[in-house]
Amino acid sequence: MKKRTYVVILGLVIGILLIITLLQIMVDIEAMKKLTITIEDVQITNRGLFSCDVLVTINFTNPSPRDVSVETAVCDVSIADRYLNTYHLSHLSFPSNSSQEQVMSLTLFYINIPRVVLEGFQNRNFDIDITGEAQVYVLCGLFTIPAPFSLTSTYS
């Protein structure tokens, strides 16, 4: 009889722990889904004879009451539908109910840029696309889950 009582109590404890764990993961995923990412500004700087720098300001807004932490994010940057570069971000933290900016600096060598992109630079009119995937921490940083994202903005 005692053995059966211990098994039932152990089963209840394990069940409660599993439910709490699943609820924590669901809350973390919901906070991640509420995180909004927008391109705030695009600037072309340091125009030289062979290259220029493109500074892309990205705004991260976390409206949820839970912090969101990102282990890594890898994104591909395209201008005028032409792939230009891959950019890596790591160890980002977005506190609850906050907003912060991150500046991506890309050095573009003219020899590697298609003519249509150069024309967009000259005319000051082009679309910039950023697509990628972030690895977001869940369950107090014990695990990461993938979170794909896609951003588009017009520079004019």
Protein backbone atom coordinates (compact mmCIF):
# COMPACT_ATOMS: atom_id res chain seq x y z
CA MET A 1 0.00 0.00 0.00
CA LYS A 2 2.82 2.42 0.91
CA LYS A 3 4.64 1.62 -2.31
CA ARG A 4 1.56 2.46 -4.36
CA THR A 5 1.14 5.79 -2.52
CA TYR A 6 4.77 6.71 -3.27
CA VAL A 7 4.32 5.85 -6.95
CA VAL A 8 1.18 8.00 -7.17
CA ILE A 9 2.88 10.91 -5.41
CA LEU A 10 5.98 10.57 -7.61
CA GLY A 11 3.76 10.46 -10.71
CA LEU A 12 1.93 13.61 -9.58
CA VAL A 13 5.20 15.45 -8.91
CA ILE A 14 6.61 14.46 -12.30
CA GLY A 15 3.34 15.45 -13.99
CA ILE A 16 3.29 18.85 -12.27
CA LEU A 17 6.94 19.47 -13.21
CA LEU A 18 6.20 18.58 -16.84
CA ILE A 19 3.22 20.93 -16.92
CA ILE A 20 5.26 23.78 -15.41
CA THR A 21 8.06 23.16 -17.92
CA LEU A 22 5.66 23.18 -20.86
CA LEU A 23 4.00 26.37 -19.61
CA GLN A 24 7.40 28.08 -19.29
CA ILE A 25 8.33 27.07 -22.84
CA MET A 26 4.96 28.31 -24.16
CA VAL A 27 5.38 31.67 -22.39
CA ASP A 28 8.91 32.05 -23.83
CA ILE A 29 7.68 31.21 -27.33
CA GLU A 30 4.82 33.69 -27.01
CA ALA A 31 7.27 36.43 -25.94
CA MET A 32 9.48 35.58 -28.92
CA LYS A 33 6.51 35.85 -31.29
CA LYS A 34 5.67 39.32 -29.96
CA LEU A 35 9.19 40.61 -30.65
CA THR A 36 8.97 42.98 -33.62
CA ILE A 37 11.90 43.75 -35.87
CA THR A 38 11.92 46.69 -38.28
CA ILE A 39 14.49 48.43 -40.46
CA GLU A 40 14.66 51.99 -39.16
CA ASP A 41 17.32 53.52 -41.39
CA VAL A 42 19.70 52.74 -44.23
CA GLN A 43 22.73 54.93 -44.90
CA ILE A 44 25.49 54.72 -47.47
CA THR A 45 28.75 56.00 -45.99
CA ASN A 46 32.47 56.00 -46.73
CA ARG A 47 32.03 56.04 -50.48
CA GLY A 48 35.41 55.28 -51.91
CA LEU A 49 36.89 54.39 -55.24
CA PHE A 50 36.46 50.62 -54.71
CA SER A 51 33.87 50.22 -51.96
CA CYS A 52 31.27 51.79 -49.72
CA ASP A 53 29.71 50.98 -46.37
CA VAL A 54 26.02 50.40 -45.89
CA LEU A 55 24.75 50.99 -42.36
CA VAL A 56 21.41 49.37 -41.60
CA THR A 57 19.73 50.36 -38.33
CA ILE A 58 17.37 47.68 -37.06
CA ASN A 59 14.91 48.30 -34.24
CA PHE A 60 13.93 45.45 -31.91
CA THR A 61 10.80 46.00 -29.81
CA ASN A 62 9.82 43.56 -27.07
CA PRO A 63 6.31 44.48 -25.83
CA SER A 64 5.95 41.34 -23.71
CA PRO A 65 6.48 41.20 -19.94
CA ARG A 66 9.20 38.56 -20.49
CA ASP A 67 12.83 39.03 -21.53
CA VAL A 68 13.89 37.57 -24.87
CA SER A 69 17.48 36.42 -25.40
CA VAL A 70 19.05 35.41 -28.70
CA GLU A 71 22.08 33.14 -28.86
CA THR A 72 22.86 33.78 -32.55
CA ALA A 73 21.21 35.19 -35.64
CA VAL A 74 22.43 34.69 -39.18
CA CYS A 75 20.89 36.78 -41.93
CA ASP A 76 21.34 37.25 -45.64
CA VAL A 77 21.27 40.81 -46.98
CA SER A 78 20.00 41.50 -50.48
CA ILE A 79 19.68 44.77 -52.34
CA ALA A 80 17.48 45.00 -55.43
CA ASP A 81 16.87 41.23 -55.17
CA ARG A 82 20.62 40.51 -55.42
CA TYR A 83 22.36 38.67 -52.57
CA LEU A 84 25.18 40.78 -51.16
CA ASN A 85 26.38 39.47 -47.84
CA THR A 86 25.70 37.34 -44.78
CA TYR A 87 25.69 39.04 -41.39
CA HIS A 88 26.07 37.35 -37.99
CA LEU A 89 24.74 38.64 -34.67
CA SER A 90 25.26 36.94 -31.34
CA HIS A 91 24.28 37.18 -27.70
CA LEU A 92 21.48 39.71 -27.98
CA SER A 93 19.16 40.44 -25.08
CA PHE A 94 15.86 42.30 -25.27
CA PRO A 95 14.46 43.18 -21.84
CA SER A 96 10.72 43.13 -21.28
CA ASN A 97 8.73 46.15 -22.47
CA SER A 98 11.72 47.71 -24.20
CA SER A 99 13.00 48.81 -27.57
CA GLN A 100 16.59 48.96 -28.79
CA GLU A 101 18.52 49.47 -31.98
CA GLN A 102 21.31 47.46 -33.56
CA VAL A 103 23.43 48.79 -36.44
CA MET A 104 24.64 46.37 -39.10
CA SER A 105 27.67 47.62 -41.01
CA LEU A 106 28.26 46.05 -44.41
CA THR A 107 31.25 46.86 -46.60
CA LEU A 108 30.37 46.41 -50.25
CA PHE A 109 33.05 46.19 -52.93
CA TYR A 110 31.83 47.62 -56.22
CA ILE A 111 33.42 44.83 -58.23
CA ASN A 112 31.18 42.30 -56.46
CA ILE A 113 27.98 44.32 -56.85
CA PRO A 114 25.70 43.80 -59.87
CA ARG A 115 25.07 46.81 -62.11
CA VAL A 116 21.40 47.09 -61.02
CA VAL A 117 22.52 47.61 -57.40
CA LEU A 118 25.05 50.28 -58.42
CA GLU A 119 22.30 52.07 -60.33
CA GLY A 120 20.10 51.93 -57.23
CA PHE A 121 22.91 53.48 -55.18
CA GLN A 122 23.37 56.25 -57.75
CA ASN A 123 19.63 56.95 -58.00
CA ARG A 124 19.22 56.68 -54.22
CA ASN A 125 16.36 54.24 -54.70
CA PHE A 126 16.58 50.53 -53.89
CA ASP A 127 14.95 47.84 -51.78
CA ILE A 128 16.92 46.13 -49.03
CA ASP A 129 15.85 42.68 -47.82
CA ILE A 130 17.15 40.90 -44.74
CA THR A 131 16.13 37.28 -44.15
CA GLY A 132 17.48 34.85 -41.64
CA GLU A 133 17.02 32.73 -38.59
CA ALA A 134 17.72 33.41 -34.93
CA GLN A 135 18.33 30.85 -32.21
CA VAL A 136 16.25 32.09 -29.26
CA TYR A 137 16.76 30.85 -25.71
CA VAL A 138 13.80 29.22 -23.94
CA LEU A 139 13.28 27.67 -20.52
CA CYS A 140 15.71 29.91 -18.62
CA GLY A 141 18.36 29.56 -21.31
CA LEU A 142 18.52 25.76 -21.22
CA PHE A 143 17.43 25.29 -24.84
CA THR A 144 17.27 27.27 -28.07
CA ILE A 145 14.59 27.21 -30.74
CA PRO A 146 14.81 28.57 -34.28
CA ALA A 147 12.93 31.76 -35.14
CA PRO A 148 12.93 32.76 -38.82
CA PHE A 149 12.53 36.43 -39.73
CA SER A 150 12.28 38.59 -42.83
CA LEU A 151 12.57 42.38 -43.20
CA THR A 152 12.18 44.66 -46.20
CA SER A 153 12.69 48.39 -46.57
CA THR A 154 12.99 50.86 -49.42
CA TYR A 155 15.91 53.28 -49.46
CA SER A 156 15.08 56.51 -51.18
